[in-house]
């Protein structure tokens, strides 16, 4: 009996531990919001999902709250269509635990000026980008643009 009970108890404790980790890790997302245009995502603990490809002449998505997931849902963001400086596909500022996934980000005007990042993390921590393609043009006569840029 003891040979059966000990492994069974160990297995039950393992399941309880996995359930607690899963619950704690994923419990921060409390709502979901569809995104159909460029905007500021400012509600903490929210899953934002693109429902179409979006574009902007300047910065497209600003993330300003903690625990936000931006799911591109296979759609595109095109940013910086106009000839201007300091524009970003996704700008994350003072926001921790941000996830950006399942998206393609394009720099709209590849002959434009400087400081044009696909994703720019400014004073943001514990952020993740995965299953994401970022296309920027840099070099030659054009000063620096980056796919992903971190600044603390």
C-alpha atoms as a PDB file:
ATOM      1  CA  UNK A   1       0.000   0.000   0.000  1.00  0.00           C
ATOM      2  CA  UNK A   2       2.779   2.437   0.887  1.00  0.00           C
ATOM      3  CA  UNK A   3       4.387   1.853  -2.558  1.00  0.00           C
ATOM      4  CA  UNK A   4       1.208   3.101  -4.231  1.00  0.00           C
ATOM      5  CA  UNK A   5       0.218   5.921  -1.886  1.00  0.00           C
ATOM      6  CA  UNK A   6       3.553   7.809  -1.899  1.00  0.00           C
ATOM      7  CA  UNK A   7       3.776   8.163  -5.710  1.00  0.00           C
ATOM      8  CA  UNK A   8       0.078   9.054  -5.840  1.00  0.00           C
ATOM      9  CA  UNK A   9       0.528  11.804  -3.251  1.00  0.00           C
ATOM     10  CA  UNK A  10       3.620  13.066  -5.095  1.00  0.00           C
ATOM     11  CA  UNK A  11       1.676  13.147  -8.372  1.00  0.00           C
ATOM     12  CA  UNK A  12      -1.217  15.038  -6.736  1.00  0.00           C
ATOM     13  CA  UNK A  13       1.189  17.606  -5.247  1.00  0.00           C
ATOM     14  CA  UNK A  14       2.835  18.048  -8.657  1.00  0.00           C
ATOM     15  CA  UNK A  15      -0.569  18.725 -10.266  1.00  0.00           C
ATOM     16  CA  UNK A  16      -1.485  21.192  -7.537  1.00  0.00           C
ATOM     17  CA  UNK A  17       1.866  22.972  -8.004  1.00  0.00           C
ATOM     18  CA  UNK A  18       1.435  23.172 -11.790  1.00  0.00           C
ATOM     19  CA  UNK A  19      -2.113  24.479 -11.350  1.00  0.00           C
ATOM     20  CA  UNK A  20      -0.954  27.181  -8.914  1.00  0.00           C
ATOM     21  CA  UNK A  21       1.893  28.296 -11.178  1.00  0.00           C
ATOM     22  CA  UNK A  22      -0.444  28.385 -14.175  1.00  0.00           C
ATOM     23  CA  UNK A  23      -3.060  30.342 -12.218  1.00  0.00           C
ATOM     24  CA  UNK A  24      -0.596  32.880 -10.848  1.00  0.00           C
ATOM     25  CA  UNK A  25       1.205  33.325 -14.176  1.00  0.00           C
ATOM     26  CA  UNK A  26      -1.901  33.778 -16.292  1.00  0.00           C
ATOM     27  CA  UNK A  27      -4.286  35.407 -13.820  1.00  0.00           C
ATOM     28  CA  UNK A  28      -3.188  38.958 -14.626  1.00  0.00           C
ATOM     29  CA  UNK A  29      -5.190  39.035 -17.894  1.00  0.00           C
ATOM     30  CA  UNK A  30      -8.717  40.007 -16.892  1.00  0.00           C
ATOM     31  CA  UNK A  31     -10.283  41.168 -20.155  1.00  0.00           C
ATOM     32  CA  UNK A  32      -9.902  41.133 -23.915  1.00  0.00           C
ATOM     33  CA  UNK A  33     -10.253  44.060 -26.326  1.00  0.00           C
ATOM     34  CA  UNK A  34     -10.298  44.057 -30.139  1.00  0.00           C
ATOM     35  CA  UNK A  35      -8.033  46.609 -31.822  1.00  0.00           C
ATOM     36  CA  UNK A  36      -8.959  47.916 -35.281  1.00  0.00           C
ATOM     37  CA  UNK A  37      -6.888  51.101 -35.448  1.00  0.00           C
ATOM     38  CA  UNK A  38      -3.722  52.682 -34.085  1.00  0.00           C
ATOM     39  CA  UNK A  39      -4.220  53.790 -30.490  1.00  0.00           C
ATOM     40  CA  UNK A  40      -2.950  53.860 -26.914  1.00  0.00           C
ATOM     41  CA  UNK A  41      -3.376  50.641 -24.927  1.00  0.00           C
ATOM     42  CA  UNK A  42      -3.711  51.902 -21.376  1.00  0.00           C
ATOM     43  CA  UNK A  43      -5.794  49.390 -19.414  1.00  0.00           C
ATOM     44  CA  UNK A  44      -3.621  47.155 -17.240  1.00  0.00           C
ATOM     45  CA  UNK A  45      -4.167  43.381 -17.201  1.00  0.00           C
ATOM     46  CA  UNK A  46      -5.690  43.311 -20.677  1.00  0.00           C
ATOM     47  CA  UNK A  47      -5.315  41.184 -23.792  1.00  0.00           C
ATOM     48  CA  UNK A  48      -5.531  43.411 -26.893  1.00  0.00           C
ATOM     49  CA  UNK A  49      -6.035  41.561 -30.209  1.00  0.00           C
ATOM     50  CA  UNK A  50      -5.757  43.071 -33.684  1.00  0.00           C
ATOM     51  CA  UNK A  51      -8.821  42.333 -35.800  1.00  0.00           C
ATOM     52  CA  UNK A  52      -7.295  43.804 -38.989  1.00  0.00           C
ATOM     53  CA  UNK A  53      -4.023  45.243 -40.284  1.00  0.00           C
ATOM     54  CA  UNK A  54      -3.483  48.842 -39.139  1.00  0.00           C
ATOM     55  CA  UNK A  55      -1.255  51.746 -40.192  1.00  0.00           C
ATOM     56  CA  UNK A  56      -0.250  55.228 -39.111  1.00  0.00           C
ATOM     57  CA  UNK A  57       1.707  58.195 -40.409  1.00  0.00           C
ATOM     58  CA  UNK A  58       3.477  58.276 -37.025  1.00  0.00           C
ATOM     59  CA  UNK A  59       3.611  55.897 -34.032  1.00  0.00           C
ATOM     60  CA  UNK A  60       0.899  53.271 -34.266  1.00  0.00           C
ATOM     61  CA  UNK A  61       0.527  51.568 -30.859  1.00  0.00           C
ATOM     62  CA  UNK A  62       1.445  53.117 -27.488  1.00  0.00           C
ATOM     63  CA  UNK A  63       1.441  50.777 -24.483  1.00  0.00           C
ATOM     64  CA  UNK A  64       1.321  52.661 -21.193  1.00  0.00           C
ATOM     65  CA  UNK A  65       0.112  50.136 -18.590  1.00  0.00           C
ATOM     66  CA  UNK A  66       1.459  46.976 -16.970  1.00  0.00           C
ATOM     67  CA  UNK A  67       0.552  43.393 -17.874  1.00  0.00           C
ATOM     68  CA  UNK A  68      -0.625  43.994 -21.428  1.00  0.00           C
ATOM     69  CA  UNK A  69      -0.576  41.390 -24.172  1.00  0.00           C
ATOM     70  CA  UNK A  70      -0.749  42.642 -27.769  1.00  0.00           C
ATOM     71  CA  UNK A  71      -1.724  39.729 -30.002  1.00  0.00           C
ATOM     72  CA  UNK A  72      -1.338  40.659 -33.662  1.00  0.00           C
ATOM     73  CA  UNK A  73      -3.509  37.686 -34.615  1.00  0.00           C
ATOM     74  CA  UNK A  74      -1.458  37.363 -37.835  1.00  0.00           C
ATOM     75  CA  UNK A  75      -2.147  40.954 -38.942  1.00  0.00           C
ATOM     76  CA  UNK A  76       0.327  43.783 -39.717  1.00  0.00           C
ATOM     77  CA  UNK A  77       1.237  47.142 -38.234  1.00  0.00           C
ATOM     78  CA  UNK A  78       2.705  49.707 -40.637  1.00  0.00           C
ATOM     79  CA  UNK A  79       4.086  52.807 -38.925  1.00  0.00           C
ATOM     80  CA  UNK A  80       5.828  56.006 -39.961  1.00  0.00           C
ATOM     81  CA  UNK A  81       4.218  56.355 -43.368  1.00  0.00           C
ATOM     82  CA  UNK A  82       5.088  60.068 -43.371  1.00  0.00           C
ATOM     83  CA  UNK A  83       8.618  61.443 -43.490  1.00  0.00           C
ATOM     84  CA  UNK A  84       9.119  62.153 -39.786  1.00  0.00           C
ATOM     85  CA  UNK A  85      11.492  61.403 -36.913  1.00  0.00           C
ATOM     86  CA  UNK A  86      10.877  59.543 -33.664  1.00  0.00           C
ATOM     87  CA  UNK A  87       8.105  57.163 -34.728  1.00  0.00           C
ATOM     88  CA  UNK A  88       7.553  53.579 -33.656  1.00  0.00           C
ATOM     89  CA  UNK A  89       5.438  50.605 -34.585  1.00  0.00           C
ATOM     90  CA  UNK A  90       4.840  49.773 -30.925  1.00  0.00           C
ATOM     91  CA  UNK A  91       6.051  52.148 -28.198  1.00  0.00           C
ATOM     92  CA  UNK A  92       6.095  50.662 -24.687  1.00  0.00           C
ATOM     93  CA  UNK A  93       6.793  53.271 -22.010  1.00  0.00           C
ATOM     94  CA  UNK A  94       6.972  52.676 -18.241  1.00  0.00           C
ATOM     95  CA  UNK A  95       5.080  49.406 -18.618  1.00  0.00           C
ATOM     96  CA  UNK A  96       6.259  46.056 -17.282  1.00  0.00           C
ATOM     97  CA  UNK A  97       5.264  42.517 -18.231  1.00  0.00           C
ATOM     98  CA  UNK A  98       4.292  43.428 -21.796  1.00  0.00           C
ATOM     99  CA  UNK A  99       3.987  40.717 -24.444  1.00  0.00           C
ATOM    100  CA  UNK A 100       3.910  41.384 -28.200  1.00  0.00           C
ATOM    101  CA  UNK A 101       3.184  38.358 -30.362  1.00  0.00           C
ATOM    102  CA  UNK A 102       1.890  37.013 -33.679  1.00  0.00           C
ATOM    103  CA  UNK A 103       2.419  40.201 -35.664  1.00  0.00           C
ATOM    104  CA  UNK A 104       4.409  41.666 -38.555  1.00  0.00           C
ATOM    105  CA  UNK A 105       5.614  45.255 -38.128  1.00  0.00           C
ATOM    106  CA  UNK A 106       6.670  47.303 -41.161  1.00  0.00           C
ATOM    107  CA  UNK A 107       8.435  50.654 -41.303  1.00  0.00           C
ATOM    108  CA  UNK A 108       6.214  52.560 -43.726  1.00  0.00           C
ATOM    109  CA  UNK A 109       8.570  55.084 -45.281  1.00  0.00           C
ATOM    110  CA  UNK A 110      12.033  53.616 -45.636  1.00  0.00           C
ATOM    111  CA  UNK A 111      13.494  56.867 -46.984  1.00  0.00           C
ATOM    112  CA  UNK A 112      12.450  58.780 -43.867  1.00  0.00           C
ATOM    113  CA  UNK A 113      14.606  60.305 -41.207  1.00  0.00           C
ATOM    114  CA  UNK A 114      15.978  59.033 -37.899  1.00  0.00           C
ATOM    115  CA  UNK A 115      14.970  57.205 -34.761  1.00  0.00           C
ATOM    116  CA  UNK A 116      12.314  54.905 -36.173  1.00  0.00           C
ATOM    117  CA  UNK A 117      11.995  51.662 -34.202  1.00  0.00           C
ATOM    118  CA  UNK A 118       9.716  48.720 -34.916  1.00  0.00           C
ATOM    119  CA  UNK A 119       9.299  48.119 -31.168  1.00  0.00           C
ATOM    120  CA  UNK A 120      10.701  50.571 -28.623  1.00  0.00           C
ATOM    121  CA  UNK A 121      10.830  49.615 -24.928  1.00  0.00           C
ATOM    122  CA  UNK A 122      11.419  52.758 -22.851  1.00  0.00           C
ATOM    123  CA  UNK A 123      11.876  52.149 -19.106  1.00  0.00           C
ATOM    124  CA  UNK A 124       9.919  48.903 -19.381  1.00  0.00           C
ATOM    125  CA  UNK A 125      10.905  45.582 -17.826  1.00  0.00           C
ATOM    126  CA  UNK A 126      10.116  41.866 -18.173  1.00  0.00           C
ATOM    127  CA  UNK A 127       8.833  42.295 -21.712  1.00  0.00           C
ATOM    128  CA  UNK A 128       8.554  39.581 -24.372  1.00  0.00           C
ATOM    129  CA  UNK A 129       8.358  39.629 -28.154  1.00  0.00           C
ATOM    130  CA  UNK A 130       7.776  36.350 -29.973  1.00  0.00           C
ATOM    131  CA  UNK A 131       6.455  35.025 -33.273  1.00  0.00           C
ATOM    132  CA  UNK A 132       6.919  38.543 -34.604  1.00  0.00           C
ATOM    133  CA  UNK A 133       8.594  39.838 -37.773  1.00  0.00           C
ATOM    134  CA  UNK A 134       9.910  43.414 -37.848  1.00  0.00           C
ATOM    135  CA  UNK A 135      11.039  44.981 -41.123  1.00  0.00           C
ATOM    136  CA  UNK A 136      13.006  48.251 -41.005  1.00  0.00           C
ATOM    137  CA  UNK A 137      15.507  49.862 -43.355  1.00  0.00           C
ATOM    138  CA  UNK A 138      18.769  51.163 -41.960  1.00  0.00           C
ATOM    139  CA  UNK A 139      22.192  52.061 -43.205  1.00  0.00           C
ATOM    140  CA  UNK A 140      23.597  53.968 -46.133  1.00  0.00           C
ATOM    141  CA  UNK A 141      22.358  57.548 -46.317  1.00  0.00           C
ATOM    142  CA  UNK A 142      19.629  56.816 -43.773  1.00  0.00           C
ATOM    143  CA  UNK A 143      20.577  57.094 -40.100  1.00  0.00           C
ATOM    144  CA  UNK A 144      19.728  54.409 -37.604  1.00  0.00           C
ATOM    145  CA  UNK A 145      16.463  52.521 -37.262  1.00  0.00           C
ATOM    146  CA  UNK A 146      16.109  49.331 -35.228  1.00  0.00           C
ATOM    147  CA  UNK A 147      13.768  46.377 -35.169  1.00  0.00           C
ATOM    148  CA  UNK A 148      13.688  46.345 -31.366  1.00  0.00           C
ATOM    149  CA  UNK A 149      15.221  49.082 -29.205  1.00  0.00           C
ATOM    150  CA  UNK A 150      15.590  49.046 -25.397  1.00  0.00           C
ATOM    151  CA  UNK A 151      16.236  52.113 -23.282  1.00  0.00           C
ATOM    152  CA  UNK A 152      16.307  52.171 -19.499  1.00  0.00           C
END
